[in-house]
C-alpha atoms as a PDB file:
ATOM      1  CA  MET A   1     266.937  18.451  54.295  1.00  0.00           C
ATOM      2  CA  MET A   2     265.486  16.968  51.085  1.00  0.00           C
ATOM      3  CA  ASP A   3     265.263  13.301  52.059  1.00  0.00           C
ATOM      4  CA  PRO A   4     264.201  10.931  49.244  1.00  0.00           C
ATOM      5  CA  TYR A   5     262.410   8.847  51.890  1.00  0.00           C
ATOM      6  CA  PRO A   6     259.729   9.025  52.759  1.00  0.00           C
ATOM      7  CA  PRO A   7     258.583  10.568  49.458  1.00  0.00           C
ATOM      8  CA  PRO A   8     256.385  13.689  49.565  1.00  0.00           C
ATOM      9  CA  VAL A   9     252.625  13.196  49.424  1.00  0.00           C
ATOM     10  CA  PHE A  10     252.210  15.720  46.604  1.00  0.00           C
ATOM     11  CA  VAL A  11     254.701  13.791  44.452  1.00  0.00           C
ATOM     12  CA  ILE A  12     253.076  10.351  44.840  1.00  0.00           C
ATOM     13  CA  PRO A  13     249.830  11.272  42.977  1.00  0.00           C
ATOM     14  CA  ARG A  14     251.811  13.277  40.407  1.00  0.00           C
ATOM     15  CA  MET A  15     254.087  10.326  39.569  1.00  0.00           C
ATOM     16  CA  LYS A  16     251.023   8.145  39.051  1.00  0.00           C
END
């Protein structure tokens, strides 16, 4: 269920 791709949208801004 938790696929690494594509990455979640809420994680992209957080990683930046």
